[in-house]
C-alpha atoms as a PDB file:
ATOM      1  CA  MET A   1      10.683 -91.591-128.633  1.00  0.00           C
ATOM      2  CA  GLN A   2      12.495 -90.545-125.460  1.00  0.00           C
ATOM      3  CA  LYS A   3      11.146 -87.004-125.772  1.00  0.00           C
ATOM      4  CA  SER A   4       7.660 -88.420-126.244  1.00  0.00           C
ATOM      5  CA  ASP A   5       8.013 -90.602-123.142  1.00  0.00           C
ATOM      6  CA  LEU A   6       9.300 -87.635-121.123  1.00  0.00           C
ATOM      7  CA  ALA A   7       6.410 -85.469-122.275  1.00  0.00           C
ATOM      8  CA  TYR A   8       3.925 -88.169-121.311  1.00  0.00           C
ATOM      9  CA  GLN A   9       5.466 -88.568-117.845  1.00  0.00           C
ATOM     10  CA  LEU A  10       5.385 -84.794-117.347  1.00  0.00           C
ATOM     11  CA  GLU A  11       1.726 -84.835-118.355  1.00  0.00           C
ATOM     12  CA  ARG A  12       0.998 -87.677-115.939  1.00  0.00           C
ATOM     13  CA  PHE A  13       2.737 -86.079-113.005  1.00  0.00           C
ATOM     14  CA  GLY A  14       2.440 -82.414-113.907  1.00  0.00           C
ATOM     15  CA  LEU A  15      -0.204 -81.777-111.246  1.00  0.00           C
ATOM     16  CA  VAL A  16       1.974 -83.464-108.630  1.00  0.00           C
ATOM     17  CA  ILE A  17       4.876 -81.214-109.620  1.00  0.00           C
ATOM     18  CA  VAL A  18       2.709 -78.100-109.346  1.00  0.00           C
ATOM     19  CA  TRP A  19       1.386 -79.338-105.975  1.00  0.00           C
ATOM     20  CA  VAL A  20       4.944 -79.725-104.665  1.00  0.00           C
ATOM     21  CA  ALA A  21       5.756 -76.246-106.032  1.00  0.00           C
ATOM     22  CA  PHE A  22       2.740 -74.862-104.144  1.00  0.00           C
ATOM     23  CA  ILE A  23       3.946 -76.463-100.943  1.00  0.00           C
ATOM     24  CA  ALA A  24       7.440 -75.062-101.470  1.00  0.00           C
ATOM     25  CA  LEU A  25       6.102 -71.560-102.213  1.00  0.00           C
ATOM     26  CA  PHE A  26       3.738 -71.383 -99.227  1.00  0.00           C
ATOM     27  CA  GLY A  27       6.356 -73.011 -97.043  1.00  0.00           C
ATOM     28  CA  ALA A  28       8.926 -70.391 -97.992  1.00  0.00           C
ATOM     29  CA  LEU A  29       6.477 -67.549 -97.328  1.00  0.00           C
ATOM     30  CA  ARG A  30       5.049 -68.905 -94.042  1.00  0.00           C
ATOM     31  CA  PRO A  31       7.329 -71.684 -92.752  1.00  0.00           C
ATOM     32  CA  ASP A  32       6.199 -71.388 -89.119  1.00  0.00           C
ATOM     33  CA  THR A  33       2.515 -71.914 -89.863  1.00  0.00           C
ATOM     34  CA  PHE A  34       2.305 -73.775 -93.171  1.00  0.00           C
ATOM     35  CA  LEU A  35       5.205 -76.225 -92.875  1.00  0.00           C
ATOM     36  CA  THR A  36       3.971 -77.912 -89.726  1.00  0.00           C
ATOM     37  CA  TRP A  37       2.759 -81.456 -89.263  1.00  0.00           C
ATOM     38  CA  SER A  38      -0.371 -80.231 -87.512  1.00  0.00           C
ATOM     39  CA  ASN A  39      -1.269 -78.167 -90.581  1.00  0.00           C
ATOM     40  CA  PHE A  40      -0.713 -81.101 -92.969  1.00  0.00           C
ATOM     41  CA  SER A  41      -2.587 -83.544 -90.718  1.00  0.00           C
ATOM     42  CA  THR A  42      -5.495 -81.083 -90.705  1.00  0.00           C
ATOM     43  CA  ILE A  43      -5.397 -80.829 -94.514  1.00  0.00           C
ATOM     44  CA  PHE A  44      -5.356 -84.608 -94.983  1.00  0.00           C
ATOM     45  CA  GLY A  45      -7.873 -85.451 -92.272  1.00  0.00           C
ATOM     46  CA  SER A  46     -10.437 -82.683 -92.681  1.00  0.00           C
ATOM     47  CA  GLU A  47     -10.917 -83.198 -96.419  1.00  0.00           C
ATOM     48  CA  ALA A  48     -11.534 -86.962 -96.401  1.00  0.00           C
ATOM     49  CA  VAL A  49     -15.236 -86.282 -96.947  1.00  0.00           C
ATOM     50  CA  LEU A  50     -14.444 -84.220-100.059  1.00  0.00           C
ATOM     51  CA  VAL A  51     -12.230 -87.039-101.381  1.00  0.00           C
ATOM     52  CA  ILE A  52     -15.060 -89.552-101.012  1.00  0.00           C
ATOM     53  CA  VAL A  53     -17.590 -87.232-102.688  1.00  0.00           C
ATOM     54  CA  THR A  54     -15.135 -86.770-105.586  1.00  0.00           C
ATOM     55  CA  LEU A  55     -14.647 -90.531-105.889  1.00  0.00           C
ATOM     56  CA  GLY A  56     -18.432 -90.953-105.891  1.00  0.00           C
ATOM     57  CA  LEU A  57     -18.813 -88.377-108.680  1.00  0.00           C
ATOM     58  CA  MET A  58     -16.045 -90.028-110.655  1.00  0.00           C
ATOM     59  CA  ILE A  59     -17.895 -93.325-111.134  1.00  0.00           C
ATOM     60  CA  PRO A  60     -20.903 -92.033-113.148  1.00  0.00           C
ATOM     61  CA  LEU A  61     -18.607 -89.513-114.864  1.00  0.00           C
ATOM     62  CA  THR A  62     -16.560 -92.465-116.128  1.00  0.00           C
ATOM     63  CA  ALA A  63     -19.755 -93.843-117.675  1.00  0.00           C
ATOM     64  CA  GLY A  64     -20.612 -90.457-119.217  1.00  0.00           C
ATOM     65  CA  ASP A  65     -23.217 -89.400-116.645  1.00  0.00           C
ATOM     66  CA  PHE A  66     -23.450 -86.643-114.030  1.00  0.00           C
ATOM     67  CA  ASP A  67     -24.644 -86.930-110.444  1.00  0.00           C
ATOM     68  CA  LEU A  68     -25.481 -83.475-109.152  1.00  0.00           C
ATOM     69  CA  SER A  69     -27.481 -84.977-106.294  1.00  0.00           C
ATOM     70  CA  ILE A  70     -24.502 -86.456-104.454  1.00  0.00           C
ATOM     71  CA  ALA A  71     -24.025 -83.405-102.213  1.00  0.00           C
ATOM     72  CA  GLN A  72     -27.658 -83.496-101.142  1.00  0.00           C
ATOM     73  CA  THR A  73     -27.418 -87.275-100.644  1.00  0.00           C
ATOM     74  CA  LEU A  74     -24.580 -86.532 -98.245  1.00  0.00           C
ATOM     75  CA  THR A  75     -26.658 -83.892 -96.445  1.00  0.00           C
ATOM     76  CA  LEU A  76     -29.770 -86.062 -96.185  1.00  0.00           C
ATOM     77  CA  VAL A  77     -27.875 -89.105 -94.860  1.00  0.00           C
ATOM     78  CA  SER A  78     -25.918 -86.901 -92.470  1.00  0.00           C
ATOM     79  CA  MET A  79     -29.187 -85.498 -91.105  1.00  0.00           C
ATOM     80  CA  ALA A  80     -30.839 -88.946 -90.969  1.00  0.00           C
ATOM     81  CA  THR A  81     -27.828 -90.370 -89.126  1.00  0.00           C
ATOM     82  CA  ALA A  82     -27.915 -87.601 -86.545  1.00  0.00           C
ATOM     83  CA  ILE A  83     -31.692 -87.919 -86.021  1.00  0.00           C
ATOM     84  CA  LEU A  84     -31.686 -91.730 -85.771  1.00  0.00           C
ATOM     85  CA  ASP A  85     -28.681 -91.715 -83.444  1.00  0.00           C
ATOM     86  CA  ALA A  86     -29.158 -88.626 -81.282  1.00  0.00           C
ATOM     87  CA  ARG A  87     -32.929 -88.200 -81.268  1.00  0.00           C
ATOM     88  CA  MET A  88     -34.229 -91.782 -81.627  1.00  0.00           C
ATOM     89  CA  ASP A  89     -31.286 -93.417 -79.842  1.00  0.00           C
ATOM     90  CA  LEU A  90     -30.989 -96.270 -82.332  1.00  0.00           C
ATOM     91  CA  PRO A  91     -27.745 -98.305 -82.287  1.00  0.00           C
ATOM     92  CA  LEU A  92     -25.067 -97.393 -84.812  1.00  0.00           C
ATOM     93  CA  ALA A  93     -25.125-101.008 -86.036  1.00  0.00           C
ATOM     94  CA  LEU A  94     -28.576-100.236 -87.426  1.00  0.00           C
ATOM     95  CA  VAL A  95     -28.140 -96.548 -88.253  1.00  0.00           C
ATOM     96  CA  LEU A  96     -25.093 -96.931 -90.514  1.00  0.00           C
ATOM     97  CA  PRO A  97     -26.537 -99.638 -92.832  1.00  0.00           C
ATOM     98  CA  LEU A  98     -29.759 -97.622 -93.058  1.00  0.00           C
ATOM     99  CA  GLY A  99     -27.764 -94.582 -94.158  1.00  0.00           C
ATOM    100  CA  LEU A 100     -25.968 -96.548 -96.865  1.00  0.00           C
ATOM    101  CA  ALA A 101     -29.296 -98.043 -97.991  1.00  0.00           C
ATOM    102  CA  ILE A 102     -30.742 -94.533 -98.370  1.00  0.00           C
ATOM    103  CA  GLY A 103     -27.820 -93.613-100.623  1.00  0.00           C
ATOM    104  CA  ALA A 104     -28.256 -96.772-102.723  1.00  0.00           C
ATOM    105  CA  PHE A 105     -31.981 -96.050-103.110  1.00  0.00           C
ATOM    106  CA  ILE A 106     -31.295 -92.472-104.245  1.00  0.00           C
ATOM    107  CA  GLY A 107     -28.793 -93.788-106.816  1.00  0.00           C
ATOM    108  CA  LEU A 108     -31.371 -96.309-107.996  1.00  0.00           C
ATOM    109  CA  ILE A 109     -33.951 -93.532-108.482  1.00  0.00           C
ATOM    110  CA  ASN A 110     -31.432 -91.395-110.395  1.00  0.00           C
ATOM    111  CA  GLY A 111     -30.494 -94.282-112.660  1.00  0.00           C
ATOM    112  CA  ALA A 112     -34.040 -95.474-113.248  1.00  0.00           C
ATOM    113  CA  ILE A 113     -35.352 -92.047-114.281  1.00  0.00           C
ATOM    114  CA  THR A 114     -32.316 -91.360-116.445  1.00  0.00           C
ATOM    115  CA  LEU A 115     -32.442 -94.699-118.232  1.00  0.00           C
ATOM    116  CA  TYR A 116     -36.101 -95.549-118.556  1.00  0.00           C
ATOM    117  CA  PHE A 117     -37.403 -92.060-119.244  1.00  0.00           C
ATOM    118  CA  ARG A 118     -34.336 -91.114-121.314  1.00  0.00           C
ATOM    119  CA  VAL A 119     -33.818 -87.814-119.503  1.00  0.00           C
ATOM    120  CA  HIS A 120     -30.323 -86.364-119.308  1.00  0.00           C
ATOM    121  CA  SER A 121     -28.651 -87.221-116.013  1.00  0.00           C
ATOM    122  CA  LEU A 122     -27.749 -83.560-115.452  1.00  0.00           C
ATOM    123  CA  ILE A 123     -31.431 -82.608-115.281  1.00  0.00           C
ATOM    124  CA  VAL A 124     -32.528 -85.685-113.325  1.00  0.00           C
ATOM    125  CA  THR A 125     -29.906 -85.439-110.602  1.00  0.00           C
ATOM    126  CA  LEU A 126     -30.338 -81.673-110.291  1.00  0.00           C
ATOM    127  CA  GLY A 127     -34.063 -82.177-109.687  1.00  0.00           C
ATOM    128  CA  VAL A 128     -33.541 -85.125-107.338  1.00  0.00           C
ATOM    129  CA  GLY A 129     -30.925 -83.158-105.397  1.00  0.00           C
ATOM    130  CA  THR A 130     -33.314 -80.242-104.927  1.00  0.00           C
ATOM    131  CA  PHE A 131     -36.031 -82.680-103.800  1.00  0.00           C
ATOM    132  CA  LEU A 132     -33.609 -84.249-101.309  1.00  0.00           C
ATOM    133  CA  HIS A 133     -32.741 -80.818 -99.929  1.00  0.00           C
ATOM    134  CA  GLY A 134     -36.434 -80.251 -99.248  1.00  0.00           C
ATOM    135  CA  ILE A 135     -36.678 -83.585 -97.414  1.00  0.00           C
ATOM    136  CA  THR A 136     -33.599 -82.680 -95.340  1.00  0.00           C
ATOM    137  CA  LEU A 137     -35.117 -79.346 -94.296  1.00  0.00           C
ATOM    138  CA  TRP A 138     -38.372 -81.134 -93.440  1.00  0.00           C
ATOM    139  CA  ILE A 139     -37.015 -83.949 -91.280  1.00  0.00           C
ATOM    140  CA  GLY A 140     -34.515 -81.683 -89.551  1.00  0.00           C
ATOM    141  CA  ASN A 141     -36.957 -78.812 -89.140  1.00  0.00           C
ATOM    142  CA  SER A 142     -34.292 -76.571 -90.762  1.00  0.00           C
ATOM    143  CA  GLN A 143     -32.146 -76.934 -87.619  1.00  0.00           C
ATOM    144  CA  THR A 144     -28.735 -78.300 -86.746  1.00  0.00           C
ATOM    145  CA  ILE A 145     -28.964 -81.680 -84.978  1.00  0.00           C
ATOM    146  CA  SER A 146     -26.232 -82.298 -82.403  1.00  0.00           C
ATOM    147  CA  GLY A 147     -25.530 -84.939 -79.761  1.00  0.00           C
ATOM    148  CA  VAL A 148     -24.168 -87.617 -82.098  1.00  0.00           C
ATOM    149  CA  SER A 149     -22.692 -90.702 -80.446  1.00  0.00           C
ATOM    150  CA  PRO A 150     -19.058 -90.275 -79.383  1.00  0.00           C
ATOM    151  CA  VAL A 151     -18.406 -93.770 -80.785  1.00  0.00           C
ATOM    152  CA  LEU A 152     -18.996 -92.504 -84.326  1.00  0.00           C
ATOM    153  CA  MET A 153     -16.731 -89.533 -83.734  1.00  0.00           C
ATOM    154  CA  GLU A 154     -14.116 -91.855 -82.219  1.00  0.00           C
ATOM    155  CA  TRP A 155     -13.887 -93.902 -85.420  1.00  0.00           C
ATOM    156  CA  VAL A 156     -13.943 -90.932 -87.774  1.00  0.00           C
ATOM    157  CA  ILE A 157     -11.985 -88.022 -86.375  1.00  0.00           C
ATOM    158  CA  ILE A 158     -10.629 -88.817 -82.894  1.00  0.00           C
ATOM    159  CA  GLN A 159      -8.694 -91.996 -83.697  1.00  0.00           C
ATOM    160  CA  ARG A 160      -5.471 -91.100 -85.503  1.00  0.00           C
ATOM    161  CA  VAL A 161      -2.639 -92.868 -87.274  1.00  0.00           C
ATOM    162  CA  MET A 162       0.590 -90.851 -87.526  1.00  0.00           C
ATOM    163  CA  GLY A 163      -1.413 -87.855 -86.332  1.00  0.00           C
ATOM    164  CA  ILE A 164      -3.914 -88.072 -89.217  1.00  0.00           C
ATOM    165  CA  PRO A 165      -7.599 -88.919 -88.506  1.00  0.00           C
ATOM    166  CA  VAL A 166      -8.644 -92.394 -89.655  1.00  0.00           C
ATOM    167  CA  ALA A 167     -11.197 -90.820 -92.032  1.00  0.00           C
ATOM    168  CA  PHE A 168      -8.264 -90.076 -94.363  1.00  0.00           C
ATOM    169  CA  TYR A 169      -7.379 -93.781 -94.492  1.00  0.00           C
ATOM    170  CA  TYR A 170     -10.989 -94.709 -95.255  1.00  0.00           C
ATOM    171  CA  ALA A 171     -10.812 -92.382 -98.256  1.00  0.00           C
ATOM    172  CA  ILE A 172      -7.503 -93.851 -99.437  1.00  0.00           C
ATOM    173  CA  ALA A 173      -8.848 -97.408 -99.039  1.00  0.00           C
ATOM    174  CA  LEU A 174     -11.874 -96.475-101.186  1.00  0.00           C
ATOM    175  CA  ALA A 175      -9.584 -94.969-103.826  1.00  0.00           C
ATOM    176  CA  PHE A 176      -7.640 -98.244-103.906  1.00  0.00           C
ATOM    177  CA  LEU A 177     -10.829-100.293-104.278  1.00  0.00           C
ATOM    178  CA  ILE A 178     -12.081 -98.112-107.128  1.00  0.00           C
ATOM    179  CA  TRP A 179      -8.671 -98.270-108.826  1.00  0.00           C
ATOM    180  CA  TYR A 180      -8.762-102.062-108.568  1.00  0.00           C
ATOM    181  CA  MET A 181     -12.327-102.156-109.895  1.00  0.00           C
ATOM    182  CA  LEU A 182     -11.493-100.022-112.926  1.00  0.00           C
ATOM    183  CA  SER A 183      -8.241-101.830-113.665  1.00  0.00           C
ATOM    184  CA  TYR A 184      -8.930-105.493-112.953  1.00  0.00           C
ATOM    185  CA  THR A 185     -12.661-106.248-112.996  1.00  0.00           C
ATOM    186  CA  ALA A 186     -15.088-106.839-115.837  1.00  0.00           C
ATOM    187  CA  PHE A 187     -17.447-104.199-114.475  1.00  0.00           C
ATOM    188  CA  GLY A 188     -14.640-101.621-114.446  1.00  0.00           C
ATOM    189  CA  GLN A 189     -13.813-102.347-118.077  1.00  0.00           C
ATOM    190  CA  HIS A 190     -17.496-102.160-119.027  1.00  0.00           C
ATOM    191  CA  LEU A 191     -17.709 -98.818-117.234  1.00  0.00           C
ATOM    192  CA  LEU A 192     -14.827 -97.461-119.294  1.00  0.00           C
ATOM    193  CA  PHE A 193     -16.316 -98.815-122.552  1.00  0.00           C
ATOM    194  CA  THR A 194     -19.666 -97.219-121.690  1.00  0.00           C
ATOM    195  CA  GLY A 195     -18.036 -93.847-121.137  1.00  0.00           C
ATOM    196  CA  ARG A 196     -16.123 -93.982-124.396  1.00  0.00           C
ATOM    197  CA  GLY A 197     -19.203 -94.713-126.501  1.00  0.00           C
ATOM    198  CA  ARG A 198     -22.494 -96.285-125.512  1.00  0.00           C
ATOM    199  CA  GLU A 199     -23.361 -97.574-128.990  1.00  0.00           C
ATOM    200  CA  VAL A 200     -19.907 -99.130-129.357  1.00  0.00           C
ATOM    201  CA  GLY A 201     -20.327-100.653-125.911  1.00  0.00           C
ATOM    202  CA  ARG A 202     -23.653-102.217-126.864  1.00  0.00           C
ATOM    203  CA  LEU A 203     -22.175-103.639-130.061  1.00  0.00           C
ATOM    204  CA  THR A 204     -19.381-105.286-128.055  1.00  0.00           C
ATOM    205  CA  GLY A 205     -21.856-106.938-125.708  1.00  0.00           C
ATOM    206  CA  VAL A 206     -21.748-104.523-122.762  1.00  0.00           C
ATOM    207  CA  ALA A 207     -25.034-104.194-120.845  1.00  0.00           C
ATOM    208  CA  VAL A 208     -24.799-100.393-120.966  1.00  0.00           C
ATOM    209  CA  GLY A 209     -28.036 -99.716-119.085  1.00  0.00           C
ATOM    210  CA  LYS A 210     -27.079-102.022-116.231  1.00  0.00           C
ATOM    211  CA  VAL A 211     -23.601-100.505-116.029  1.00  0.00           C
ATOM    212  CA  ARG A 212     -24.952 -96.946-115.861  1.00  0.00           C
ATOM    213  CA  LEU A 213     -27.553 -97.903-113.247  1.00  0.00           C
ATOM    214  CA  THR A 214     -24.875 -99.566-111.090  1.00  0.00           C
ATOM    215  CA  ALA A 215     -22.676 -96.471-111.418  1.00  0.00           C
ATOM    216  CA  PHE A 216     -25.493 -94.292-110.053  1.00  0.00           C
ATOM    217  CA  VAL A 217     -26.088 -96.696-107.152  1.00  0.00           C
ATOM    218  CA  LEU A 218     -22.388 -96.717-106.269  1.00  0.00           C
ATOM    219  CA  SER A 219     -22.328 -92.930-106.407  1.00  0.00           C
ATOM    220  CA  GLY A 220     -25.299 -92.824-104.042  1.00  0.00           C
ATOM    221  CA  VAL A 221     -23.649 -95.235-101.609  1.00  0.00           C
ATOM    222  CA  LEU A 222     -20.422 -93.204-101.577  1.00  0.00           C
ATOM    223  CA  GLY A 223     -22.408 -90.001-101.081  1.00  0.00           C
ATOM    224  CA  ALA A 224     -24.141 -91.664 -98.112  1.00  0.00           C
ATOM    225  CA  PHE A 225     -20.828 -92.859 -96.694  1.00  0.00           C
ATOM    226  CA  ALA A 226     -19.485 -89.311 -97.005  1.00  0.00           C
ATOM    227  CA  GLY A 227     -22.572 -88.112 -95.117  1.00  0.00           C
ATOM    228  CA  ILE A 228     -21.898 -90.548 -92.269  1.00  0.00           C
ATOM    229  CA  LEU A 229     -18.287 -89.426 -92.092  1.00  0.00           C
ATOM    230  CA  TYR A 230     -19.356 -85.771 -92.129  1.00  0.00           C
ATOM    231  CA  THR A 231     -21.604 -86.396 -89.129  1.00  0.00           C
ATOM    232  CA  GLY A 232     -18.788 -88.199 -87.339  1.00  0.00           C
ATOM    233  CA  THR A 233     -16.359 -85.392 -88.151  1.00  0.00           C
ATOM    234  CA  THR A 234     -18.496 -82.542 -86.843  1.00  0.00           C
ATOM    235  CA  GLY A 235     -20.549 -84.404 -84.252  1.00  0.00           C
ATOM    236  CA  SER A 236     -23.693 -82.898 -85.749  1.00  0.00           C
ATOM    237  CA  ALA A 237     -25.698 -82.411 -88.962  1.00  0.00           C
ATOM    238  CA  ASN A 238     -27.057 -79.259 -90.538  1.00  0.00           C
ATOM    239  CA  PRO A 239     -29.321 -78.796 -93.575  1.00  0.00           C
ATOM    240  CA  SER A 240     -26.632 -77.232 -95.750  1.00  0.00           C
ATOM    241  CA  SER A 241     -23.651 -79.342 -94.690  1.00  0.00           C
ATOM    242  CA  GLY A 242     -22.803 -80.871 -98.054  1.00  0.00           C
ATOM    243  CA  THR A 243     -23.978 -78.187-100.454  1.00  0.00           C
ATOM    244  CA  PHE A 244     -20.634 -76.398-100.597  1.00  0.00           C
ATOM    245  CA  LEU A 245     -18.796 -79.621-101.526  1.00  0.00           C
ATOM    246  CA  LEU A 246     -20.301 -80.054-105.008  1.00  0.00           C
ATOM    247  CA  LEU A 247     -18.202 -77.452-106.848  1.00  0.00           C
ATOM    248  CA  PRO A 248     -14.806 -78.488-105.399  1.00  0.00           C
ATOM    249  CA  ALA A 249     -15.664 -82.170-105.984  1.00  0.00           C
ATOM    250  CA  PHE A 250     -16.384 -81.550-109.671  1.00  0.00           C
ATOM    251  CA  ALA A 251     -13.252 -79.416-109.944  1.00  0.00           C
ATOM    252  CA  ALA A 252     -11.180 -82.196-108.407  1.00  0.00           C
ATOM    253  CA  ALA A 253     -12.747 -84.925-110.585  1.00  0.00           C
ATOM    254  CA  PHE A 254     -12.004 -83.066-113.831  1.00  0.00           C
ATOM    255  CA  LEU A 255      -8.603 -81.878-112.622  1.00  0.00           C
ATOM    256  CA  GLY A 256      -7.786 -85.450-111.644  1.00  0.00           C
ATOM    257  CA  ALA A 257      -8.525 -86.554-115.212  1.00  0.00           C
ATOM    258  CA  THR A 258      -5.499 -84.538-116.362  1.00  0.00           C
ATOM    259  CA  CYS A 259      -2.958 -86.537-114.342  1.00  0.00           C
ATOM    260  CA  ILE A 260      -1.874 -90.125-113.590  1.00  0.00           C
ATOM    261  CA  ARG A 261      -4.120 -91.408-116.417  1.00  0.00           C
ATOM    262  CA  PRO A 262      -4.525 -88.282-118.577  1.00  0.00           C
ATOM    263  CA  GLY A 263      -7.820 -88.130-120.420  1.00  0.00           C
ATOM    264  CA  ARG A 264      -9.556 -90.565-118.058  1.00  0.00           C
ATOM    265  CA  PHE A 265     -11.315 -90.075-114.730  1.00  0.00           C
ATOM    266  CA  ASN A 266      -9.195 -92.007-112.258  1.00  0.00           C
ATOM    267  CA  PRO A 267      -9.183 -92.346-108.447  1.00  0.00           C
ATOM    268  CA  TRP A 268      -5.558 -91.481-107.743  1.00  0.00           C
ATOM    269  CA  GLY A 269      -5.726 -88.417-109.948  1.00  0.00           C
ATOM    270  CA  SER A 270      -8.886 -87.363-108.097  1.00  0.00           C
ATOM    271  CA  VAL A 271      -7.213 -87.790-104.690  1.00  0.00           C
ATOM    272  CA  ILE A 272      -4.196 -85.766-105.791  1.00  0.00           C
ATOM    273  CA  ALA A 273      -6.456 -83.072-107.266  1.00  0.00           C
ATOM    274  CA  VAL A 274      -8.434 -82.735-104.017  1.00  0.00           C
ATOM    275  CA  TYR A 275      -5.326 -82.190-101.954  1.00  0.00           C
ATOM    276  CA  PHE A 276      -3.801 -79.920-104.583  1.00  0.00           C
ATOM    277  CA  LEU A 277      -6.894 -77.674-104.375  1.00  0.00           C
ATOM    278  CA  VAL A 278      -7.072 -77.842-100.598  1.00  0.00           C
ATOM    279  CA  THR A 279      -3.375 -77.022-100.297  1.00  0.00           C
ATOM    280  CA  GLY A 280      -3.909 -73.955-102.453  1.00  0.00           C
ATOM    281  CA  ILE A 281      -6.863 -72.781-100.331  1.00  0.00           C
ATOM    282  CA  ASN A 282      -4.976 -73.490 -97.108  1.00  0.00           C
ATOM    283  CA  GLY A 283      -1.878 -71.668 -98.313  1.00  0.00           C
ATOM    284  CA  LEU A 284      -3.838 -68.619 -99.375  1.00  0.00           C
ATOM    285  CA  SER A 285      -5.617 -68.624 -96.029  1.00  0.00           C
ATOM    286  CA  VAL A 286      -2.295 -68.769 -94.188  1.00  0.00           C
ATOM    287  CA  LEU A 287      -1.108 -65.818 -96.275  1.00  0.00           C
ATOM    288  CA  GLY A 288      -4.135 -63.846 -95.055  1.00  0.00           C
ATOM    289  CA  PHE A 289      -6.370 -63.843 -98.119  1.00  0.00           C
ATOM    290  CA  ARG A 290     -10.056 -63.474 -97.405  1.00  0.00           C
ATOM    291  CA  THR A 291     -12.637 -66.267 -97.785  1.00  0.00           C
ATOM    292  CA  PHE A 292     -13.891 -65.148-101.225  1.00  0.00           C
ATOM    293  CA  VAL A 293     -10.628 -66.488-102.656  1.00  0.00           C
ATOM    294  CA  GLN A 294     -11.956 -70.023-102.077  1.00  0.00           C
ATOM    295  CA  ASP A 295     -14.773 -69.543-104.573  1.00  0.00           C
ATOM    296  CA  LEU A 296     -12.432 -67.891-107.054  1.00  0.00           C
ATOM    297  CA  PHE A 297      -9.944 -70.736-106.694  1.00  0.00           C
ATOM    298  CA  TYR A 298     -12.470 -73.590-106.976  1.00  0.00           C
ATOM    299  CA  GLY A 299     -14.447 -71.967-109.801  1.00  0.00           C
ATOM    300  CA  GLY A 300     -11.331 -71.138-111.803  1.00  0.00           C
ATOM    301  CA  ALA A 301      -9.919 -74.624-111.193  1.00  0.00           C
ATOM    302  CA  LEU A 302     -13.107 -76.259-112.491  1.00  0.00           C
ATOM    303  CA  VAL A 303     -13.151 -74.246-115.732  1.00  0.00           C
ATOM    304  CA  LEU A 304      -9.417 -74.781-116.293  1.00  0.00           C
ATOM    305  CA  ALA A 305      -9.655 -78.483-115.475  1.00  0.00           C
ATOM    306  CA  VAL A 306     -12.518 -79.055-117.948  1.00  0.00           C
ATOM    307  CA  MET A 307     -10.630 -77.255-120.700  1.00  0.00           C
ATOM    308  CA  VAL A 308      -7.404 -79.188-120.097  1.00  0.00           C
ATOM    309  CA  SER A 309      -9.314 -82.477-119.781  1.00  0.00           C
ATOM    310  CA  GLN A 310     -11.030 -81.859-123.125  1.00  0.00           C
ATOM    311  CA  LEU A 311      -7.711 -81.018-124.778  1.00  0.00           C
ATOM    312  CA  VAL A 312      -6.092 -84.177-123.439  1.00  0.00           C
ATOM    313  CA  SER A 313      -9.047 -86.356-124.487  1.00  0.00           C
ATOM    314  CA  GLY A 314      -9.107 -84.788-127.959  1.00  0.00           C
ATOM    315  CA  ARG A 315      -5.388 -85.353-128.427  1.00  0.00           C
ATOM    316  CA  LYS A 316      -5.709 -88.987-127.371  1.00  0.00           C
ATOM    317  CA  GLU A 317      -8.556 -89.562-129.822  1.00  0.00           C
ATOM    318  CA  ARG A 318      -6.555 -88.024-132.654  1.00  0.00           C
ATOM    319  CA  GLY A 319      -3.611 -90.213-131.657  1.00  0.00           C
ATOM    320  CA  LEU A 320      -5.840 -93.266-131.980  1.00  0.00           C
END
């Protein structure tokens, strides 16, 4: 029994152990550049947007659906925020709720098409994401929009706590809220039941369609929030700003399902996975590896994470 408990704890915290080993390795090789607070504050602060995108992906994934449109939701809302703020000079008190409403509407469209036309979410969200990219190019005239309000930048990247931009703390607060939702609310439990088996969920009284639709809307809102933070981080918006985040977000979501709560998509595992991946990329960059290593690292991590996640899930099912 003790061996079994030890093995389970190693499985839960294995990714954390490897993360610490990465830090120790890169720190030993480049202590003057890697083991500095400025480097770690950059890692934690600059990747808050990726954490939020990963958390957004995680919600429909928990229900057994995919949202491939979340990166383009981010890009569209980022562009809309920049245009409404910098070009049309609307107040942020109006711009920010409008951005979140755009994300909710996109999630509603994804969910409605998936549920009522019975099309696989992978196909629906891929098509919607491509459509959104076209809208982004259209409204932004395929250009970068700059001149965003300093107030937005102030409350995203300039304000710091312990040297880390406040965007990091927004991401951690969201992770806490999602953890609470999954652990202590009826909707969170229904989300988990839906992901484990939709027919079983229906038989136990879960409104599966409503749960899946809500998951898509929440994913859209988080994608929109990530877009607002991206605009505040860079002070601008460009038509391809969020595209490169989709692969690492999926890699982190599946990698996160191998730790903390193995076999289940969970927010704290996702957060740890994001910073594990970013630490690896940062360390390799400090060692002088070229930029193509990023694609190799993220792509390899996604494939490995999916394989390990499937193995863990299969073992849990056999154990049941």
